[in-house]
């Protein structure tokens, strides 16, 4: 399998989706960490990117809403079934 380069206009298109979902109530948290602390956690042959001598670890929390198959109804327990409103 060839790895497609990252591009704003990928060559491969997806004519239909198997799943659909929305992400709501997103939170992005990042911490500066010493690269030598992160390096052992990465796959062999990779190394952490650094900015000004540190690498950043991130945690992204979100709530999935309306997770379902194709155009069918939302699936209970795999995301919030409500598609509108809060909570």
N, C-alpha and C. Protein backbone atom coordinates (compact mmCIF):
# COMPACT_ATOMS: atom_id res chain seq x y z
N UNK A 1 0.84 -1.18 0.00
CA UNK A 1 0.00 0.00 0.00
C UNK A 1 0.89 1.24 0.00
N UNK A 2 0.63 2.15 -0.92
CA UNK A 2 1.38 3.40 -0.98
C UNK A 2 0.79 4.39 0.01
N UNK A 3 1.66 5.14 0.65
CA UNK A 3 1.19 6.18 1.57
C UNK A 3 1.00 7.46 0.78
N UNK A 4 -0.21 7.98 0.84
CA UNK A 4 -0.52 9.20 0.11
C UNK A 4 0.02 10.40 0.87
N UNK A 5 0.69 11.34 0.19
CA UNK A 5 1.19 12.52 0.90
C UNK A 5 0.05 13.39 1.41
N UNK A 6 0.32 14.12 2.47
CA UNK A 6 -0.69 15.02 3.03
C UNK A 6 -0.88 16.18 2.06
N UNK A 7 -2.12 16.47 1.73
CA UNK A 7 -2.44 17.49 0.74
C UNK A 7 -3.83 18.03 1.03
N UNK A 8 -4.08 19.28 0.70
CA UNK A 8 -5.42 19.84 0.93
C UNK A 8 -6.44 19.27 -0.05
N UNK A 9 -5.97 18.68 -1.14
CA UNK A 9 -6.87 18.07 -2.13
C UNK A 9 -6.39 16.64 -2.38
N UNK A 10 -6.76 15.69 -1.52
CA UNK A 10 -6.28 14.31 -1.68
C UNK A 10 -6.76 13.69 -2.99
N UNK A 11 -5.97 12.80 -3.53
CA UNK A 11 -6.33 12.12 -4.78
C UNK A 11 -7.44 11.11 -4.56
N UNK A 12 -7.45 10.50 -3.40
CA UNK A 12 -8.46 9.48 -3.11
C UNK A 12 -9.71 10.16 -2.58
N UNK A 13 -10.85 9.76 -3.08
CA UNK A 13 -12.10 10.30 -2.56
C UNK A 13 -12.91 9.17 -1.95
N UNK A 14 -13.85 9.53 -1.11
CA UNK A 14 -14.69 8.55 -0.44
C UNK A 14 -16.13 8.82 -0.85
N UNK A 15 -16.70 7.98 -1.72
CA UNK A 15 -18.04 8.25 -2.25
C UNK A 15 -19.15 8.16 -1.20
N UNK A 16 -18.94 7.43 -0.11
CA UNK A 16 -19.97 7.31 0.92
C UNK A 16 -19.29 7.05 2.25
N UNK A 17 -19.96 7.39 3.29
CA UNK A 17 -19.41 7.21 4.64
C UNK A 17 -20.11 6.06 5.33
N UNK A 18 -19.36 5.27 6.07
CA UNK A 18 -19.94 4.16 6.84
C UNK A 18 -20.56 4.70 8.13
N UNK A 19 -19.85 5.62 8.78
CA UNK A 19 -20.33 6.21 10.03
C UNK A 19 -20.47 7.71 9.88
N UNK A 20 -21.32 8.29 10.69
CA UNK A 20 -21.40 9.74 10.77
C UNK A 20 -21.38 10.12 12.24
N UNK A 21 -20.87 11.31 12.54
CA UNK A 21 -20.80 11.80 13.91
C UNK A 21 -20.46 13.28 13.89
N UNK A 22 -20.75 13.92 14.99
CA UNK A 22 -20.31 15.30 15.21
C UNK A 22 -19.57 15.34 16.54
N UNK A 23 -18.60 16.23 16.65
CA UNK A 23 -17.90 16.44 17.91
C UNK A 23 -18.36 17.76 18.47
N UNK A 24 -18.77 17.76 19.73
CA UNK A 24 -19.19 18.99 20.40
C UNK A 24 -18.48 19.09 21.74
N UNK A 25 -18.48 20.28 22.31
CA UNK A 25 -17.87 20.54 23.62
C UNK A 25 -16.41 20.10 23.64
N UNK A 26 -15.64 20.56 22.65
CA UNK A 26 -14.23 20.19 22.55
C UNK A 26 -13.37 20.96 23.54
N UNK A 27 -12.37 20.28 24.06
CA UNK A 27 -11.37 20.89 24.93
C UNK A 27 -10.00 20.41 24.48
N UNK A 28 -9.09 21.34 24.26
CA UNK A 28 -7.73 21.02 23.86
C UNK A 28 -6.79 21.44 24.99
N UNK A 29 -6.06 20.48 25.55
CA UNK A 29 -5.10 20.76 26.62
C UNK A 29 -3.72 20.32 26.15
N UNK A 30 -2.71 21.16 26.39
CA UNK A 30 -1.35 20.84 25.98
C UNK A 30 -0.36 21.14 27.10
N UNK A 31 0.65 20.28 27.24
CA UNK A 31 1.69 20.45 28.24
C UNK A 31 3.05 20.39 27.58
N UNK A 32 3.96 21.25 28.00
CA UNK A 32 5.35 21.18 27.55
C UNK A 32 6.05 20.09 28.36
N UNK A 33 6.75 19.20 27.66
CA UNK A 33 7.40 18.05 28.30
C UNK A 33 8.80 17.90 27.71
N UNK A 34 9.73 17.43 28.51
CA UNK A 34 11.08 17.16 28.01
C UNK A 34 11.03 16.05 26.96
N UNK A 35 11.68 16.23 25.81
CA UNK A 35 11.64 15.21 24.76
C UNK A 35 12.11 13.84 25.21
N UNK A 36 13.10 13.79 26.12
CA UNK A 36 13.58 12.48 26.57
C UNK A 36 12.55 11.73 27.41
N UNK A 37 11.57 12.42 27.95
CA UNK A 37 10.50 11.77 28.68
C UNK A 37 9.51 11.11 27.72
N UNK A 38 9.27 11.75 26.58
CA UNK A 38 8.29 11.28 25.61
C UNK A 38 8.88 10.21 24.68
N UNK A 39 10.15 10.32 24.34
CA UNK A 39 10.78 9.44 23.35
C UNK A 39 10.56 7.95 23.58
N UNK A 40 10.67 7.42 24.81
CA UNK A 40 10.46 5.98 25.00
C UNK A 40 9.02 5.52 24.72
N UNK A 41 8.08 6.45 24.68
CA UNK A 41 6.68 6.10 24.45
C UNK A 41 6.32 6.05 22.97
N UNK A 42 7.23 6.49 22.11
CA UNK A 42 6.97 6.54 20.67
C UNK A 42 7.44 5.26 19.99
N UNK A 43 6.90 4.96 18.79
CA UNK A 43 7.36 3.78 18.06
C UNK A 43 8.85 3.86 17.73
N UNK A 44 9.48 2.71 17.62
CA UNK A 44 10.90 2.63 17.30
C UNK A 44 11.17 3.37 15.99
N UNK A 45 12.23 4.17 15.99
CA UNK A 45 12.61 4.89 14.78
C UNK A 45 12.00 6.28 14.67
N UNK A 46 11.16 6.66 15.61
CA UNK A 46 10.59 8.01 15.59
C UNK A 46 11.14 8.79 16.78
N UNK A 47 11.08 10.08 16.67
CA UNK A 47 11.52 10.94 17.77
C UNK A 47 10.56 12.11 17.88
N UNK A 48 10.41 12.66 19.05
CA UNK A 48 9.45 13.75 19.23
C UNK A 48 9.88 15.03 18.53
N UNK A 49 8.93 15.75 17.97
CA UNK A 49 9.19 17.08 17.44
C UNK A 49 9.43 18.01 18.62
N UNK A 50 10.26 19.01 18.42
CA UNK A 50 10.53 19.96 19.50
C UNK A 50 10.36 21.40 19.01
N UNK A 51 10.01 22.25 19.94
CA UNK A 51 9.95 23.68 19.72
C UNK A 51 10.64 24.31 20.92
N UNK A 52 11.68 25.07 20.66
CA UNK A 52 12.46 25.70 21.75
C UNK A 52 12.91 24.69 22.80
N UNK A 53 13.27 23.48 22.36
CA UNK A 53 13.83 22.48 23.26
C UNK A 53 12.83 21.62 24.01
N UNK A 54 11.54 21.84 23.81
CA UNK A 54 10.53 20.99 24.47
C UNK A 54 9.59 20.40 23.42
N UNK A 55 8.94 19.33 23.81
CA UNK A 55 7.90 18.74 22.98
C UNK A 55 6.58 18.94 23.71
N UNK A 56 5.48 18.84 23.00
CA UNK A 56 4.18 19.08 23.62
C UNK A 56 3.33 17.82 23.56
N UNK A 57 2.68 17.52 24.68
CA UNK A 57 1.77 16.41 24.79
C UNK A 57 0.37 17.01 24.86
N UNK A 58 -0.56 16.42 24.12
CA UNK A 58 -1.90 16.98 24.09
C UNK A 58 -2.96 15.98 24.50
N UNK A 59 -4.03 16.50 25.05
CA UNK A 59 -5.21 15.72 25.42
C UNK A 59 -6.41 16.46 24.83
N UNK A 60 -7.22 15.75 24.06
CA UNK A 60 -8.39 16.37 23.43
C UNK A 60 -9.62 15.62 23.91
N UNK A 61 -10.47 16.35 24.62
CA UNK A 61 -11.72 15.77 25.11
C UNK A 61 -12.88 16.31 24.28
N UNK A 62 -13.86 15.46 24.01
CA UNK A 62 -15.01 15.88 23.22
C UNK A 62 -16.20 14.97 23.51
N UNK A 63 -17.36 15.41 23.06
CA UNK A 63 -18.58 14.62 23.19
C UNK A 63 -19.06 14.29 21.77
N UNK A 64 -19.22 13.00 21.48
CA UNK A 64 -19.73 12.59 20.17
C UNK A 64 -21.26 12.70 20.17
N UNK A 65 -21.78 13.28 19.13
CA UNK A 65 -23.23 13.47 19.02
C UNK A 65 -23.70 12.85 17.71
N UNK A 66 -24.80 12.13 17.77
CA UNK A 66 -25.43 11.60 16.57
C UNK A 66 -24.64 10.52 15.86
N UNK A 67 -23.81 9.75 16.59
CA UNK A 67 -23.04 8.68 15.97
C UNK A 67 -23.99 7.62 15.44
N UNK A 68 -23.87 7.32 14.17
CA UNK A 68 -24.75 6.31 13.58
C UNK A 68 -24.15 5.77 12.30
N UNK A 69 -24.82 4.78 11.73
CA UNK A 69 -24.39 4.16 10.49
C UNK A 69 -25.08 4.83 9.31
N UNK A 70 -24.29 5.31 8.36
CA UNK A 70 -24.85 5.92 7.17
C UNK A 70 -25.88 6.98 7.49
N UNK A 71 -27.06 6.86 6.89
CA UNK A 71 -28.14 7.82 7.13
C UNK A 71 -29.13 7.33 8.17
N UNK A 72 -28.83 6.22 8.82
CA UNK A 72 -29.74 5.66 9.82
C UNK A 72 -29.74 6.46 11.11
N UNK A 73 -30.54 6.02 12.09
CA UNK A 73 -30.62 6.74 13.36
C UNK A 73 -29.33 6.59 14.18
N UNK A 74 -29.18 7.48 15.15
CA UNK A 74 -28.03 7.41 16.05
C UNK A 74 -28.07 6.10 16.84
N UNK A 75 -26.90 5.57 17.16
CA UNK A 75 -26.79 4.31 17.90
C UNK A 75 -26.63 4.63 19.38
N UNK A 76 -27.53 4.11 20.24
CA UNK A 76 -27.40 4.37 21.68
C UNK A 76 -26.08 3.86 22.23
N UNK A 77 -25.55 4.53 23.23
CA UNK A 77 -24.34 4.18 23.97
C UNK A 77 -23.05 4.42 23.19
N UNK A 78 -23.09 4.74 21.92
CA UNK A 78 -21.88 5.03 21.15
C UNK A 78 -21.71 6.52 20.93
N UNK A 79 -22.49 7.30 21.60
CA UNK A 79 -22.45 8.75 21.48
C UNK A 79 -23.79 9.29 21.92
N UNK A 80 -23.85 10.56 22.16
CA UNK A 80 -25.10 11.17 22.58
C UNK A 80 -26.10 11.05 21.44
N UNK A 81 -27.29 10.57 21.74
CA UNK A 81 -28.28 10.41 20.68
C UNK A 81 -28.89 11.72 20.26
N UNK A 82 -28.98 12.67 21.19
CA UNK A 82 -29.57 13.96 20.84
C UNK A 82 -28.75 14.65 19.79
N UNK A 83 -29.40 15.23 18.82
CA UNK A 83 -28.67 15.94 17.78
C UNK A 83 -28.78 17.44 17.94
N UNK A 84 -29.63 17.94 18.83
CA UNK A 84 -29.79 19.37 19.03
C UNK A 84 -29.82 19.68 20.51
N UNK A 85 -29.47 20.89 20.86
CA UNK A 85 -29.52 21.30 22.26
C UNK A 85 -28.21 21.02 22.97
N UNK A 86 -28.23 21.22 24.27
CA UNK A 86 -27.03 21.01 25.07
C UNK A 86 -27.28 19.90 26.08
N UNK A 87 -26.18 19.48 26.71
CA UNK A 87 -26.30 18.50 27.78
C UNK A 87 -26.16 17.16 27.32
